[in-house]
């Protein structure tokens, strides 16, 4: 009986296609789960999603600020914070949870990363940018002529 050499090649090709499809699906899921529409599916996030949509950072995905940018750090961070948000949602909490120390550090690193040019000459009066620029991602857009220093 002759052994077909096409069998292993077919399996390799099928495995490659399946692997590529899984990677694509995981990447698409990760990207979608960073967005405001996904975040606002929990009732505890409705107000945060609404205020974010009206803020100067409305064009950014939620996790561009609230999660590490490095993929190896982002995956476990998102899993842990997602579980935390899910539990709050199940418990019926009405407001988004306050950021814990790890999240505050991530947000700070992301503020500094995106705004590094404008922060070159800034003397940090407080440990975190959001200590003065609180609500920056979740406030209504204010015309420049009406802004205070902390709104910029």
Protein backbone atom coordinates (compact mmCIF):
# COMPACT_ATOMS: atom_id res chain seq x y z
CA UNK A 1 0.00 0.00 0.00
CA UNK A 2 1.44 3.36 -1.03
CA UNK A 3 1.64 6.11 1.57
CA UNK A 4 0.36 9.48 0.39
CA UNK A 5 2.68 12.42 1.02
CA UNK A 6 -0.22 14.84 0.50
CA UNK A 7 -1.85 13.94 3.85
CA UNK A 8 0.72 15.71 6.08
CA UNK A 9 0.82 18.71 3.72
CA UNK A 10 -2.97 19.03 3.83
CA UNK A 11 -2.90 18.88 7.62
CA UNK A 12 -0.13 21.49 7.76
CA UNK A 13 -2.04 23.79 5.41
CA UNK A 14 -5.27 23.33 7.36
CA UNK A 15 -3.46 23.99 10.64
CA UNK A 16 -1.86 27.12 9.23
CA UNK A 17 -5.19 28.45 7.98
CA UNK A 18 -6.90 27.63 11.29
CA UNK A 19 -4.06 29.23 13.27
CA UNK A 20 -4.19 32.37 11.16
CA UNK A 21 -7.98 32.56 11.59
CA UNK A 22 -7.63 32.23 15.37
CA UNK A 23 -4.96 34.95 15.52
CA UNK A 24 -7.13 37.23 13.37
CA UNK A 25 -10.20 36.57 15.56
CA UNK A 26 -8.22 37.21 18.76
CA UNK A 27 -6.79 40.46 17.36
CA UNK A 28 -10.23 41.64 16.23
CA UNK A 29 -11.72 40.76 19.61
CA UNK A 30 -8.93 42.56 21.44
CA UNK A 31 -9.39 45.66 19.28
CA UNK A 32 -13.18 45.67 19.67
CA UNK A 33 -12.98 45.19 23.44
CA UNK A 34 -10.92 48.42 23.63
CA UNK A 35 -13.73 50.54 22.16
CA UNK A 36 -16.37 52.74 23.78
CA UNK A 37 -19.30 50.71 22.31
CA UNK A 38 -17.95 47.58 23.97
CA UNK A 39 -17.19 49.29 27.28
CA UNK A 40 -20.66 50.85 27.41
CA UNK A 41 -22.42 47.47 27.18
CA UNK A 42 -22.24 47.25 30.98
CA UNK A 43 -24.79 49.46 32.71
CA UNK A 44 -22.12 50.71 35.12
CA UNK A 45 -20.28 52.31 32.20
CA UNK A 46 -23.12 54.22 30.50
CA UNK A 47 -22.30 57.60 32.07
CA UNK A 48 -18.57 57.13 31.47
CA UNK A 49 -19.23 56.28 27.81
CA UNK A 50 -21.51 59.29 27.37
CA UNK A 51 -19.11 61.78 28.94
CA UNK A 52 -16.17 60.25 27.06
CA UNK A 53 -18.01 60.68 23.75
CA UNK A 54 -18.26 64.43 24.48
CA UNK A 55 -14.70 64.93 25.71
CA UNK A 56 -11.50 66.17 24.03
CA UNK A 57 -10.36 62.51 24.01
CA UNK A 58 -13.51 61.22 22.27
CA UNK A 59 -11.52 60.03 19.26
CA UNK A 60 -9.49 57.64 21.44
CA UNK A 61 -10.55 54.13 22.41
CA UNK A 62 -11.11 53.67 26.15
CA UNK A 63 -8.10 51.42 26.56
CA UNK A 64 -5.72 53.75 24.76
CA UNK A 65 -5.67 55.53 28.13
CA UNK A 66 -6.82 52.84 30.55
CA UNK A 67 -4.69 49.83 29.58
CA UNK A 68 -1.00 49.24 28.93
CA UNK A 69 0.04 49.55 25.30
CA UNK A 70 2.45 46.59 25.50
CA UNK A 71 0.46 43.50 24.44
CA UNK A 72 2.11 41.17 26.98
CA UNK A 73 1.10 43.54 29.78
CA UNK A 74 -2.24 44.47 28.26
CA UNK A 75 -3.77 40.99 28.08
CA UNK A 76 -3.57 40.09 31.80
CA UNK A 77 -4.40 43.68 32.80
CA UNK A 78 -7.55 43.71 30.65
CA UNK A 79 -8.58 40.29 31.97
CA UNK A 80 -8.22 41.40 35.59
CA UNK A 81 -9.95 44.75 35.10
CA UNK A 82 -12.67 43.15 32.97
CA UNK A 83 -13.46 40.71 35.76
CA UNK A 84 -13.49 43.59 38.25
CA UNK A 85 -15.94 45.54 36.06
CA UNK A 86 -18.07 42.42 35.44
CA UNK A 87 -18.40 41.75 39.17
CA UNK A 88 -19.39 45.39 39.77
CA UNK A 89 -21.98 45.13 37.01
CA UNK A 90 -23.45 41.93 38.48
CA UNK A 91 -23.55 43.57 41.92
CA UNK A 92 -25.54 46.44 40.40
CA UNK A 93 -23.09 49.22 41.14
CA UNK A 94 -24.24 52.35 39.37
CA UNK A 95 -21.01 54.25 38.78
CA UNK A 96 -17.73 53.24 37.16
CA UNK A 97 -15.27 51.94 39.71
CA UNK A 98 -12.58 54.23 40.98
CA UNK A 99 -9.21 53.54 39.42
CA UNK A 100 -6.95 51.47 41.64
CA UNK A 101 -3.24 52.24 42.00
CA UNK A 102 -2.23 49.97 39.11
CA UNK A 103 -4.76 51.60 36.78
CA UNK A 104 -3.70 55.09 37.89
CA UNK A 105 -0.08 54.19 37.07
CA UNK A 106 -1.10 52.87 33.64
CA UNK A 107 -3.13 56.00 32.88
CA UNK A 108 -0.22 58.17 34.02
CA UNK A 109 2.22 56.33 31.76
CA UNK A 110 -0.18 56.70 28.83
CA UNK A 111 -0.70 60.44 29.51
CA UNK A 112 3.05 60.96 29.59
CA UNK A 113 3.55 58.86 26.47
CA UNK A 114 0.97 60.64 24.32
CA UNK A 115 1.67 64.13 25.65
CA UNK A 116 5.46 63.83 26.03
CA UNK A 117 6.18 66.87 23.84
CA UNK A 118 3.86 69.16 25.81
CA UNK A 119 5.08 67.72 29.13
CA UNK A 120 8.79 68.38 28.59
CA UNK A 121 8.79 71.54 30.67
CA UNK A 122 6.00 70.65 33.09
CA UNK A 123 6.88 70.45 36.74
CA UNK A 124 4.64 67.82 38.28
CA UNK A 125 2.97 69.43 41.30
CA UNK A 126 1.12 66.20 42.07
CA UNK A 127 1.95 62.55 41.40
CA UNK A 128 -0.55 62.01 38.58
CA UNK A 129 -1.63 64.16 35.62
CA UNK A 130 -5.28 63.39 36.45
CA UNK A 131 -4.86 64.89 39.92
CA UNK A 132 -5.08 68.29 38.20
CA UNK A 133 -6.64 67.28 34.86
CA UNK A 134 -9.35 65.17 36.48
CA UNK A 135 -12.13 64.11 34.22
CA UNK A 136 -10.16 65.03 31.09
CA UNK A 137 -11.38 61.96 29.24
CA UNK A 138 -14.89 62.28 30.66
CA UNK A 139 -15.81 65.94 30.50
CA UNK A 140 -17.65 67.98 27.96
CA UNK A 141 -15.64 69.85 25.40
CA UNK A 142 -15.05 73.38 26.61
CA UNK A 143 -14.20 76.15 24.15
CA UNK A 144 -10.58 77.21 24.55
CA UNK A 145 -11.58 80.75 25.55
CA UNK A 146 -13.46 79.35 28.58
CA UNK A 147 -10.90 76.81 29.73
CA UNK A 148 -8.95 76.97 32.94
CA UNK A 149 -5.39 75.68 33.19
CA UNK A 150 -6.54 72.32 34.53
CA UNK A 151 -8.88 71.83 31.56
CA UNK A 152 -6.17 72.03 28.91
